[in-house]
């Protein structure tokens, strides 16, 4: 039987720091439960490497694939399952409920869509699965229209020229008049700009 999660059942567990280490409850994809004690500032990559070292000493290790084929999943503060693609995040950054982490296979179908849905859920303070459970044709129609609009904009932007992409990311700020503003005239030296450039990490300027 899998023991109870080690993290205390308190709402402010991740905001308080009783110690420098935390014990995580990790559920491996080969049906093995592994408790692991790591630093609060440990990255998910560090946690994964330690898990694979421990799993090598346990049964059913041959069922595991390469580490890169798996991602972490946990329950966030909105009670919604969330996958983490960025393994440079720290344990204290993701704050898994009760310190439970599940290692699952990496999805190959639209890998960024899950992350986008999670970010939207955090932004609106409500899980997207709550909207699915409403079974409202009006909401579903609105979501479908907005999705089509976003996809059309994405396709149009992908077909744009390099100059159009540059103007989109760095839109030019043009003056309304060709004359030099009065406030700028006082900073000119013989109607010229003085431009000073500096090379990074050197004293050359």
Protein backbone atom coordinates (compact mmCIF):
# COMPACT_ATOMS: atom_id res chain seq x y z
CA UNK A 1 0.00 0.00 0.00
CA UNK A 2 1.27 3.47 -0.87
CA UNK A 3 1.80 5.51 2.30
CA UNK A 4 0.13 8.85 2.83
CA UNK A 5 1.83 11.91 1.35
CA UNK A 6 4.53 13.25 3.60
CA UNK A 7 3.69 16.94 3.18
CA UNK A 8 1.48 18.23 6.00
CA UNK A 9 -2.19 18.87 5.28
CA UNK A 10 -1.84 22.63 5.68
CA UNK A 11 -2.74 25.30 3.17
CA UNK A 12 0.42 27.34 3.79
CA UNK A 13 2.93 24.50 3.60
CA UNK A 14 4.77 25.90 0.57
CA UNK A 15 4.77 29.48 1.85
CA UNK A 16 6.41 28.55 5.15
CA UNK A 17 9.90 27.04 5.28
CA UNK A 18 10.25 24.76 8.31
CA UNK A 19 13.34 23.07 6.85
CA UNK A 20 15.63 23.13 3.83
CA UNK A 21 14.36 19.80 2.50
CA UNK A 22 11.02 18.34 1.48
CA UNK A 23 9.98 14.74 1.00
CA UNK A 24 8.17 14.10 -2.27
CA UNK A 25 5.88 11.22 -3.10
CA UNK A 26 6.73 10.15 -6.66
CA UNK A 27 4.61 7.72 -8.68
CA UNK A 28 6.69 6.15 -11.42
CA UNK A 29 5.27 4.99 -14.79
CA UNK A 30 6.30 1.38 -14.04
CA UNK A 31 3.89 1.24 -11.06
CA UNK A 32 6.63 1.85 -8.48
CA UNK A 33 6.24 4.31 -5.61
CA UNK A 34 9.40 6.17 -4.67
CA UNK A 35 9.75 8.63 -1.78
CA UNK A 36 12.57 11.07 -2.33
CA UNK A 37 13.94 13.85 -0.13
CA UNK A 38 15.24 16.87 -2.02
CA UNK A 39 16.07 20.49 -1.38
CA UNK A 40 13.35 23.08 -1.72
CA UNK A 41 15.47 24.73 -4.41
CA UNK A 42 16.13 21.52 -6.36
CA UNK A 43 15.10 21.61 -10.01
CA UNK A 44 12.82 19.02 -11.55
CA UNK A 45 15.77 17.80 -13.61
CA UNK A 46 17.63 17.06 -10.37
CA UNK A 47 14.59 15.23 -9.01
CA UNK A 48 14.25 13.15 -12.17
CA UNK A 49 17.92 12.13 -12.14
CA UNK A 50 17.68 11.06 -8.52
CA UNK A 51 14.50 9.11 -9.23
CA UNK A 52 16.16 7.21 -12.07
CA UNK A 53 19.11 6.38 -9.83
CA UNK A 54 16.74 5.00 -7.19
CA UNK A 55 14.58 3.21 -9.76
CA UNK A 56 17.65 1.36 -11.04
CA UNK A 57 17.79 -0.47 -7.70
CA UNK A 58 14.09 -1.37 -7.75
CA UNK A 59 12.08 -4.03 -9.64
CA UNK A 60 10.61 -3.33 -13.09
CA UNK A 61 13.36 -0.86 -13.98
CA UNK A 62 13.52 -2.41 -17.44
CA UNK A 63 10.05 -1.06 -18.19
CA UNK A 64 11.29 2.53 -18.04
CA UNK A 65 12.45 4.41 -21.13
CA UNK A 66 14.88 7.29 -21.37
CA UNK A 67 14.30 10.12 -18.92
CA UNK A 68 13.64 12.57 -21.73
CA UNK A 69 10.51 10.62 -22.69
CA UNK A 70 8.73 11.53 -19.45
CA UNK A 71 7.41 14.69 -17.84
CA UNK A 72 6.17 15.54 -14.36
CA UNK A 73 2.50 15.92 -13.58
CA UNK A 74 1.01 17.22 -10.34
CA UNK A 75 -2.15 18.73 -8.90
CA UNK A 76 -1.90 22.52 -8.70
CA UNK A 77 -3.63 24.93 -6.33
CA UNK A 78 -6.70 25.01 -8.61
CA UNK A 79 -7.13 21.24 -8.17
CA UNK A 80 -6.26 20.75 -11.86
CA UNK A 81 -3.67 18.25 -13.17
CA UNK A 82 -0.74 20.18 -14.65
CA UNK A 83 2.19 18.97 -16.73
CA UNK A 84 5.59 20.64 -16.48
CA UNK A 85 7.68 20.85 -19.65
CA UNK A 86 10.32 23.16 -18.19
CA UNK A 87 12.44 20.99 -15.91
CA UNK A 88 14.55 23.97 -14.85
CA UNK A 89 11.76 24.98 -12.50
CA UNK A 90 12.33 24.44 -8.81
CA UNK A 91 10.16 22.32 -6.54
CA UNK A 92 9.06 25.39 -4.61
CA UNK A 93 8.03 27.05 -7.90
CA UNK A 94 5.46 24.42 -8.86
CA UNK A 95 4.25 23.67 -5.29
CA UNK A 96 2.63 20.25 -5.86
CA UNK A 97 -0.32 19.56 -3.58
CA UNK A 98 0.81 17.29 -0.71
CA UNK A 99 4.17 16.89 -2.48
CA UNK A 100 2.84 14.23 -4.88
CA UNK A 101 4.50 14.01 -8.30
CA UNK A 102 3.49 11.66 -11.09
CA UNK A 103 5.89 10.82 -13.91
CA UNK A 104 4.02 10.27 -17.18
CA UNK A 105 4.97 9.79 -20.81
CA UNK A 106 5.57 12.96 -22.77
CA UNK A 107 2.71 13.79 -25.11
CA UNK A 108 3.60 14.03 -28.80
CA UNK A 109 0.26 15.52 -29.89
CA UNK A 110 0.28 19.33 -29.60
CA UNK A 111 2.86 19.46 -26.78
CA UNK A 112 2.33 23.18 -26.13
CA UNK A 113 -1.45 23.02 -25.88
CA UNK A 114 -1.46 21.57 -22.36
CA UNK A 115 0.89 24.29 -21.13
CA UNK A 116 -1.25 26.96 -22.77
CA UNK A 117 -4.43 25.59 -21.16
CA UNK A 118 -2.71 25.63 -17.77
CA UNK A 119 -1.63 29.25 -18.19
CA UNK A 120 -5.18 30.23 -19.20
CA UNK A 121 -6.59 28.42 -16.15
CA UNK A 122 -4.24 30.32 -13.85
CA UNK A 123 -5.10 33.61 -15.53
CA UNK A 124 -8.87 33.26 -15.16
CA UNK A 125 -8.68 31.45 -11.82
CA UNK A 126 -10.76 28.52 -13.07
CA UNK A 127 -9.92 25.24 -14.73
CA UNK A 128 -10.89 24.80 -18.37
CA UNK A 129 -12.41 21.43 -17.52
CA UNK A 130 -15.04 23.33 -15.53
CA UNK A 131 -16.27 24.89 -18.76
CA UNK A 132 -16.38 21.48 -20.43
CA UNK A 133 -18.65 20.18 -17.68
CA UNK A 134 -21.18 23.00 -18.26
CA UNK A 135 -22.29 21.42 -21.56
CA UNK A 136 -23.45 24.80 -22.84
CA UNK A 137 -23.80 25.10 -26.61
CA UNK A 138 -23.31 28.88 -26.39
CA UNK A 139 -20.01 28.55 -24.53
CA UNK A 140 -18.80 25.79 -26.84
CA UNK A 141 -19.69 27.86 -29.91
CA UNK A 142 -17.83 30.90 -28.55
CA UNK A 143 -14.75 28.85 -27.72
CA UNK A 144 -14.78 27.27 -31.18
CA UNK A 145 -15.04 30.67 -32.88
CA UNK A 146 -12.21 32.13 -30.78
CA UNK A 147 -10.06 29.09 -31.50
CA UNK A 148 -10.64 29.42 -35.25
CA UNK A 149 -9.84 33.14 -35.07
CA UNK A 150 -6.58 32.47 -33.24
CA UNK A 151 -5.59 29.73 -35.69
CA UNK A 152 -6.31 32.00 -38.68
CA UNK A 153 -4.16 34.74 -37.14
CA UNK A 154 -1.38 32.23 -36.48
CA UNK A 155 -1.44 30.93 -40.06
CA UNK A 156 -1.47 34.46 -41.47
CA UNK A 157 1.49 35.46 -39.32
CA UNK A 158 3.42 32.33 -40.32
CA UNK A 159 3.00 33.27 -44.00
CA UNK A 160 4.23 36.84 -43.50
CA UNK A 161 7.54 38.09 -44.85
CA UNK A 162 10.59 38.63 -42.60
CA UNK A 163 10.03 42.40 -42.79
CA UNK A 164 6.40 42.03 -41.72
CA UNK A 165 7.44 39.83 -38.79
CA UNK A 166 10.01 42.44 -37.76
CA UNK A 167 7.37 45.18 -37.86
CA UNK A 168 5.04 43.00 -35.78
CA UNK A 169 7.60 42.32 -33.04
CA UNK A 170 9.13 45.81 -33.18
CA UNK A 171 6.46 48.18 -34.50
CA UNK A 172 7.98 51.43 -35.79
CA UNK A 173 7.12 54.60 -33.89
CA UNK A 174 6.88 57.32 -36.53
CA UNK A 175 6.52 61.05 -35.85
CA UNK A 176 3.44 62.90 -37.06
CA UNK A 177 5.58 65.63 -38.63
CA UNK A 178 8.88 65.77 -40.50
CA UNK A 179 10.09 68.74 -38.44
CA UNK A 180 12.32 68.20 -35.41
CA UNK A 181 10.45 68.67 -32.10
CA UNK A 182 11.40 71.72 -30.05
CA UNK A 183 12.29 69.61 -27.03
CA UNK A 184 14.81 67.71 -29.16
CA UNK A 185 16.52 70.75 -30.63
CA UNK A 186 18.08 71.66 -27.29
CA UNK A 187 19.89 68.29 -27.23
CA UNK A 188 21.42 68.60 -30.70
CA UNK A 189 25.04 69.59 -31.28
CA UNK A 190 25.29 71.55 -34.55
CA UNK A 191 22.13 69.79 -35.70
CA UNK A 192 23.79 66.42 -35.15
CA UNK A 193 23.31 63.55 -32.74
CA UNK A 194 26.22 62.29 -30.67
CA UNK A 195 26.04 58.50 -30.67
CA UNK A 196 28.16 56.59 -28.15
CA UNK A 197 28.45 52.81 -28.54
CA UNK A 198 30.01 50.39 -26.10
CA UNK A 199 31.18 46.82 -26.66
CA UNK A 200 29.87 44.43 -24.04
CA UNK A 201 32.33 43.05 -21.46
CA UNK A 202 35.05 45.46 -22.61
CA UNK A 203 36.21 48.99 -21.86
CA UNK A 204 35.97 49.97 -25.52
CA UNK A 205 33.47 52.71 -26.30
